[in-house]
Structure formats: structure tokens, C-alpha cells
Amino acid sequence: MFNSKSLIVLLLIGLVALSAVALAGGPQIGRAKFTINEPMVIGGTELKAGQYEVEWQTHSPEADVVFKAKGKVAAQAQGKLVGTEKKFDYNTVLSGKDSSGREALRELQVAGKKIKIVF
């Protein structure tokens, strides 16, 4: 019915398909560096101006986001991963005023990807 080459090809196709399904359904983990030019609030914590390593893990589409400065956790927040039509050219921080008038982080745009994290 099947020769050994055909059986091997079918097994490989099956493994690739199972791997793709497992990856698509599991959490997505990402990491990027962002520069914050002025103090701002995220998740109730004030971030000082500076460079941060931002890590996120998604739970379709919610995301747990961690901001690290010099290897130490500076803040944690819940965000939402949103797909976009085109890739962003730069890692970009967008902010706005919160209800108390403080500058608050609203969005992170991730360079080279078609995603942004909205807070």
C-alpha cells in the first residue's frame, strides 16, 4: 500500500501539522526594548524615564506584561495584544493622561512585527 519513503513523508507532514497546531494554541511569548522619555504610570506603578526590557506572554488576546530595568522587575501590567495590518518600523511608546491627570502608558508598538500591546 505505502512504500517506506511515502510513509516517512506522511509521518513528517503529520508531525509538522501537530507542531503548528500546538504552537498556535499555546501562549505567545515576546520581548523587546523600549525607551520611556518621561515618567509615566502603568498598572499603578510609576516608571521613571529610561530604557526597559519588556516581556509579554499572551493568553488570547490578553497579555501579562513585565517591565524590567537593569534586570529587575520595575512594573507588571495586563494588556491586550492587537494585530495590525503592517509591521512597525520602531519600538514605540504611546501615552496619554489618566483620570487623575498623570501621564499613563497606553500602547507599545513592536518593531518588525504586526502587533501592538494596548493598556
N, C-alpha and C. Protein backbone atom coordinates (compact mmCIF):
# COMPACT_ATOMS: atom_id res chain seq x y z
N MET A 1 0.82 -1.18 0.00
CA MET A 1 0.00 0.00 0.00
C MET A 1 0.88 1.27 0.00
N PHE A 2 1.72 1.47 1.04
CA PHE A 2 2.65 2.59 1.08
C PHE A 2 4.07 2.04 1.07
N ASN A 3 4.95 2.67 0.31
CA ASN A 3 6.35 2.27 0.42
C ASN A 3 6.97 3.06 1.57
N SER A 4 8.17 2.73 1.95
CA SER A 4 8.78 3.34 3.14
C SER A 4 9.00 4.85 2.98
N LYS A 5 9.33 5.32 1.78
CA LYS A 5 9.51 6.76 1.57
C LYS A 5 8.18 7.50 1.76
N SER A 6 7.11 6.96 1.22
CA SER A 6 5.79 7.60 1.36
C SER A 6 5.37 7.65 2.81
N LEU A 7 5.62 6.60 3.55
CA LEU A 7 5.25 6.54 4.96
C LEU A 7 6.04 7.58 5.76
N ILE A 8 7.32 7.72 5.48
CA ILE A 8 8.14 8.71 6.18
C ILE A 8 7.63 10.12 5.87
N VAL A 9 7.32 10.41 4.61
CA VAL A 9 6.81 11.73 4.23
C VAL A 9 5.49 12.01 4.95
N LEU A 10 4.60 11.04 4.98
CA LEU A 10 3.32 11.23 5.68
C LEU A 10 3.52 11.48 7.17
N LEU A 11 4.44 10.75 7.79
CA LEU A 11 4.73 10.96 9.21
C LEU A 11 5.30 12.36 9.46
N LEU A 12 6.20 12.80 8.61
CA LEU A 12 6.76 14.14 8.76
C LEU A 12 5.70 15.23 8.59
N ILE A 13 4.83 15.07 7.62
CA ILE A 13 3.74 16.04 7.42
C ILE A 13 2.84 16.07 8.65
N GLY A 14 2.55 14.91 9.20
CA GLY A 14 1.72 14.84 10.40
C GLY A 14 2.38 15.52 11.59
N LEU A 15 3.68 15.32 11.78
CA LEU A 15 4.39 15.96 12.88
C LEU A 15 4.42 17.47 12.73
N VAL A 16 4.65 17.95 11.51
CA VAL A 16 4.66 19.39 11.27
C VAL A 16 3.28 19.98 11.56
N ALA A 17 2.23 19.31 11.11
CA ALA A 17 0.86 19.80 11.35
C ALA A 17 0.54 19.83 12.84
N LEU A 18 0.92 18.79 13.58
CA LEU A 18 0.68 18.77 15.02
C LEU A 18 1.46 19.87 15.73
N SER A 19 2.69 20.11 15.32
CA SER A 19 3.50 21.16 15.92
C SER A 19 2.88 22.53 15.68
N ALA A 20 2.39 22.77 14.48
CA ALA A 20 1.76 24.05 14.16
C ALA A 20 0.52 24.27 15.00
N VAL A 21 -0.29 23.25 15.17
CA VAL A 21 -1.49 23.37 16.00
C VAL A 21 -1.12 23.65 17.45
N ALA A 22 -0.12 22.97 17.96
CA ALA A 22 0.29 23.16 19.35
C ALA A 22 0.82 24.58 19.57
N LEU A 23 1.60 25.09 18.61
CA LEU A 23 2.15 26.44 18.76
C LEU A 23 1.07 27.51 18.65
N ALA A 24 0.13 27.33 17.75
CA ALA A 24 -0.92 28.33 17.56
C ALA A 24 -1.82 28.42 18.77
N GLY A 25 -2.06 27.32 19.44
CA GLY A 25 -2.98 27.31 20.56
C GLY A 25 -2.33 27.70 21.88
N GLY A 26 -1.02 27.66 21.95
CA GLY A 26 -0.33 27.95 23.20
C GLY A 26 -0.05 29.43 23.36
N PRO A 27 0.43 29.80 24.54
CA PRO A 27 0.74 31.21 24.78
C PRO A 27 1.89 31.68 23.89
N GLN A 28 1.83 32.94 23.50
CA GLN A 28 2.91 33.55 22.74
C GLN A 28 3.75 34.37 23.71
N ILE A 29 5.04 34.22 23.58
CA ILE A 29 5.96 34.95 24.45
C ILE A 29 6.78 35.89 23.58
N GLY A 30 6.92 37.13 24.01
CA GLY A 30 7.69 38.10 23.25
C GLY A 30 8.53 38.97 24.16
N ARG A 31 9.48 39.66 23.53
CA ARG A 31 10.40 40.52 24.30
C ARG A 31 10.90 41.62 23.36
N ALA A 32 10.99 42.83 23.89
CA ALA A 32 11.53 43.95 23.12
C ALA A 32 12.02 45.04 24.08
N LYS A 33 12.90 45.91 23.58
CA LYS A 33 13.39 47.03 24.39
C LYS A 33 12.65 48.30 24.00
N PHE A 34 12.26 49.06 25.01
CA PHE A 34 11.55 50.32 24.80
C PHE A 34 12.21 51.40 25.64
N THR A 35 12.23 52.63 25.10
CA THR A 35 12.73 53.78 25.83
C THR A 35 11.55 54.65 26.23
N ILE A 36 11.47 54.95 27.52
CA ILE A 36 10.44 55.84 28.03
C ILE A 36 11.12 57.18 28.31
N ASN A 37 10.63 58.23 27.65
CA ASN A 37 11.29 59.54 27.70
C ASN A 37 10.88 60.41 28.88
N GLU A 38 9.79 60.06 29.53
CA GLU A 38 9.32 60.83 30.69
C GLU A 38 8.63 59.88 31.65
N PRO A 39 8.57 60.22 32.93
CA PRO A 39 7.90 59.33 33.88
C PRO A 39 6.44 59.10 33.47
N MET A 40 5.98 57.86 33.62
CA MET A 40 4.59 57.54 33.32
C MET A 40 4.13 56.35 34.14
N VAL A 41 2.84 56.20 34.26
CA VAL A 41 2.24 55.17 35.09
C VAL A 41 1.78 54.00 34.21
N ILE A 42 2.01 52.80 34.73
CA ILE A 42 1.48 51.58 34.10
C ILE A 42 1.12 50.61 35.20
N GLY A 43 -0.09 50.11 35.18
CA GLY A 43 -0.54 49.14 36.19
C GLY A 43 -0.40 49.64 37.61
N GLY A 44 -0.59 50.95 37.82
CA GLY A 44 -0.49 51.52 39.16
C GLY A 44 0.91 51.84 39.62
N THR A 45 1.92 51.53 38.79
CA THR A 45 3.31 51.78 39.14
C THR A 45 3.88 52.87 38.25
N GLU A 46 4.64 53.79 38.84
CA GLU A 46 5.27 54.83 38.02
C GLU A 46 6.61 54.33 37.51
N LEU A 47 6.78 54.41 36.20
CA LEU A 47 8.06 54.08 35.57
C LEU A 47 8.83 55.37 35.37
N LYS A 48 10.10 55.36 35.74
CA LYS A 48 10.97 56.51 35.52
C LYS A 48 11.39 56.52 34.05
N ALA A 49 11.83 57.68 33.58
CA ALA A 49 12.36 57.76 32.23
C ALA A 49 13.58 56.83 32.15
N GLY A 50 13.70 56.12 31.04
CA GLY A 50 14.83 55.21 30.87
C GLY A 50 14.51 54.10 29.90
N GLN A 51 15.42 53.14 29.80
CA GLN A 51 15.26 52.01 28.89
C GLN A 51 14.76 50.79 29.66
N TYR A 52 13.81 50.08 29.06
CA TYR A 52 13.20 48.92 29.68
C TYR A 52 13.17 47.74 28.73
N GLU A 53 13.42 46.58 29.28
CA GLU A 53 13.22 45.31 28.58
C GLU A 53 11.78 44.91 28.92
N VAL A 54 10.95 44.79 27.90
CA VAL A 54 9.55 44.46 28.12
C VAL A 54 9.32 43.03 27.63
N GLU A 55 8.73 42.22 28.50
CA GLU A 55 8.41 40.83 28.15
C GLU A 55 6.91 40.63 28.29
N TRP A 56 6.34 39.87 27.37
CA TRP A 56 4.91 39.60 27.45
C TRP A 56 4.61 38.15 27.13
N GLN A 57 3.55 37.67 27.73
CA GLN A 57 3.03 36.33 27.46
C GLN A 57 1.54 36.48 27.26
N THR A 58 1.06 36.02 26.10
CA THR A 58 -0.34 36.22 25.77
C THR A 58 -1.20 35.02 26.15
N HIS A 59 -2.46 35.35 26.39
CA HIS A 59 -3.49 34.34 26.69
C HIS A 59 -4.71 34.66 25.83
N SER A 60 -4.52 34.81 24.57
CA SER A 60 -5.51 35.10 23.53
C SER A 60 -6.67 36.00 23.94
N PRO A 61 -6.68 37.25 23.75
CA PRO A 61 -5.60 38.16 23.36
C PRO A 61 -4.98 38.88 24.55
N GLU A 62 -5.46 38.59 25.77
CA GLU A 62 -4.88 39.25 26.94
C GLU A 62 -3.41 38.88 27.09
N ALA A 63 -2.65 39.79 27.69
CA ALA A 63 -1.21 39.54 27.85
C ALA A 63 -0.75 39.99 29.23
N ASP A 64 0.10 39.18 29.85
CA ASP A 64 0.81 39.58 31.06
C ASP A 64 2.09 40.26 30.60
N VAL A 65 2.29 41.50 31.03
CA VAL A 65 3.43 42.29 30.55
C VAL A 65 4.31 42.67 31.74
N VAL A 66 5.62 42.45 31.59
CA VAL A 66 6.58 42.75 32.64
C VAL A 66 7.59 43.75 32.09
N PHE A 67 7.83 44.82 32.85
CA PHE A 67 8.82 45.84 32.50
C PHE A 67 10.02 45.64 33.41
N LYS A 68 11.21 45.47 32.81
CA LYS A 68 12.43 45.28 33.58
C LYS A 68 13.42 46.40 33.29
N ALA A 69 14.04 46.90 34.34
CA ALA A 69 15.11 47.89 34.21
C ALA A 69 16.34 47.31 34.89
N LYS A 70 17.42 47.23 34.15
CA LYS A 70 18.68 46.68 34.66
C LYS A 70 18.47 45.29 35.26
N GLY A 71 17.63 44.48 34.61
CA GLY A 71 17.40 43.11 35.02
C GLY A 71 16.42 42.90 36.15
N LYS A 72 15.90 43.98 36.73
CA LYS A 72 14.97 43.87 37.85
C LYS A 72 13.58 44.31 37.41
N VAL A 73 12.56 43.62 37.92
CA VAL A 73 11.18 43.96 37.57
C VAL A 73 10.84 45.33 38.13
N ALA A 74 10.42 46.24 37.23
CA ALA A 74 10.04 47.59 37.62
C ALA A 74 8.53 47.74 37.70
N ALA A 75 7.79 46.98 36.87
CA ALA A 75 6.33 47.05 36.86
C ALA A 75 5.77 45.83 36.14
N GLN A 76 4.52 45.53 36.46
CA GLN A 76 3.78 44.48 35.77
C GLN A 76 2.39 45.03 35.46
N ALA A 77 1.84 44.61 34.33
CA ALA A 77 0.52 45.10 33.94
C ALA A 77 -0.16 44.09 33.04
N GLN A 78 -1.47 44.21 32.93
CA GLN A 78 -2.26 43.43 32.00
C GLN A 78 -2.49 44.27 30.76
N GLY A 79 -2.28 43.69 29.59
CA GLY A 79 -2.52 44.38 28.34
C GLY A 79 -3.30 43.49 27.40
N LYS A 80 -3.47 43.97 26.18
CA LYS A 80 -4.17 43.20 25.15
C LYS A 80 -3.33 43.25 23.89
N LEU A 81 -3.00 42.09 23.34
CA LEU A 81 -2.23 42.00 22.11
C LEU A 81 -3.18 42.23 20.94
N VAL A 82 -2.86 43.19 20.09
CA VAL A 82 -3.72 43.55 18.96
C VAL A 82 -2.91 43.43 17.68
N GLY A 83 -3.45 42.72 16.70
CA GLY A 83 -2.81 42.60 15.40
C GLY A 83 -3.02 43.85 14.57
N THR A 84 -2.06 44.17 13.72
CA THR A 84 -2.15 45.33 12.84
C THR A 84 -1.93 44.90 11.40
N GLU A 85 -2.23 45.77 10.45
CA GLU A 85 -2.10 45.42 9.03
C GLU A 85 -0.66 45.48 8.53
N LYS A 86 0.15 46.35 9.14
CA LYS A 86 1.54 46.45 8.68
C LYS A 86 2.49 46.37 9.86
N LYS A 87 3.72 46.03 9.55
CA LYS A 87 4.76 45.97 10.57
C LYS A 87 5.16 47.37 11.00
N PHE A 88 5.52 47.51 12.27
CA PHE A 88 6.01 48.78 12.78
C PHE A 88 7.51 48.90 12.50
N ASP A 89 7.97 50.11 12.21
CA ASP A 89 9.38 50.35 11.93
C ASP A 89 10.23 50.45 13.19
N TYR A 90 9.62 50.93 14.28
CA TYR A 90 10.36 51.17 15.52
C TYR A 90 9.56 50.66 16.72
N ASN A 91 10.25 50.37 17.81
CA ASN A 91 9.58 50.15 19.08
C ASN A 91 9.14 51.52 19.57
N THR A 92 7.83 51.69 19.77
CA THR A 92 7.28 52.99 20.08
C THR A 92 6.38 52.91 21.30
N VAL A 93 6.49 53.92 22.18
CA VAL A 93 5.66 54.04 23.38
C VAL A 93 4.66 55.17 23.14
N LEU A 94 3.37 54.88 23.29
CA LEU A 94 2.34 55.91 23.21
C LEU A 94 1.73 56.09 24.58
N SER A 95 1.50 57.34 24.97
CA SER A 95 0.96 57.61 26.29
C SER A 95 -0.15 58.66 26.20
N GLY A 96 -0.84 58.85 27.32
CA GLY A 96 -1.89 59.85 27.43
C GLY A 96 -2.18 60.08 28.90
N LYS A 97 -3.00 61.03 29.19
CA LYS A 97 -3.33 61.35 30.59
C LYS A 97 -4.36 60.35 31.13
N ASP A 98 -4.16 59.93 32.38
CA ASP A 98 -5.17 59.09 33.03
C ASP A 98 -6.19 59.98 33.73
N SER A 99 -7.14 59.40 34.44
CA SER A 99 -8.22 60.16 35.07
C SER A 99 -7.73 61.14 36.12
N SER A 100 -6.54 60.92 36.68
CA SER A 100 -6.01 61.84 37.68
C SER A 100 -5.02 62.85 37.09
N GLY A 101 -4.89 62.84 35.76
CA GLY A 101 -4.02 63.80 35.09
C GLY A 101 -2.57 63.38 34.94
N ARG A 102 -2.23 62.15 35.39
CA ARG A 102 -0.85 61.67 35.25
C ARG A 102 -0.64 61.09 33.85
N GLU A 103 0.60 61.16 33.39
CA GLU A 103 0.95 60.54 32.11
C GLU A 103 0.90 59.02 32.29
N ALA A 104 0.15 58.34 31.42
CA ALA A 104 -0.01 56.89 31.54
C ALA A 104 0.32 56.21 30.22
N LEU A 105 1.00 55.08 30.31
CA LEU A 105 1.34 54.30 29.12
C LEU A 105 0.06 53.71 28.54
N ARG A 106 -0.18 53.92 27.26
CA ARG A 106 -1.40 53.44 26.60
C ARG A 106 -1.14 52.28 25.63
N GLU A 107 0.06 52.33 24.98
CA GLU A 107 0.30 51.36 23.91
C GLU A 107 1.79 51.19 23.66
N LEU A 108 2.18 49.95 23.34
CA LEU A 108 3.53 49.63 22.89
C LEU A 108 3.43 49.06 21.48
N GLN A 109 4.14 49.67 20.53
CA GLN A 109 4.18 49.17 19.17
C GLN A 109 5.51 48.45 18.99
N VAL A 110 5.48 47.22 18.49
CA VAL A 110 6.66 46.37 18.44
C VAL A 110 7.29 46.38 17.04
N ALA A 111 8.54 46.83 16.96
CA ALA A 111 9.26 46.93 15.69
C ALA A 111 9.38 45.58 14.99
N GLY A 112 9.17 45.61 13.67
CA GLY A 112 9.34 44.42 12.85
C GLY A 112 8.21 43.41 12.97
N LYS A 113 7.16 43.77 13.69
CA LYS A 113 6.03 42.85 13.89
C LYS A 113 4.73 43.58 13.59
N LYS A 114 3.70 42.81 13.37
CA LYS A 114 2.37 43.34 13.13
C LYS A 114 1.52 43.27 14.40
N ILE A 115 2.13 43.67 15.51
CA ILE A 115 1.41 43.64 16.78
C ILE A 115 1.69 44.88 17.61
N LYS A 116 0.74 45.19 18.45
CA LYS A 116 0.91 46.22 19.47
C LYS A 116 0.25 45.71 20.73
N ILE A 117 0.70 46.24 21.87
CA ILE A 117 0.11 45.88 23.16
C ILE A 117 -0.59 47.13 23.67
N VAL A 118 -1.89 46.99 23.93
CA VAL A 118 -2.71 48.11 24.36
C VAL A 118 -3.04 47.93 25.84
N PHE A 119 -2.94 49.04 26.60
CA PHE A 119 -3.23 49.00 28.04
C PHE A 119 -4.47 49.81 28.34
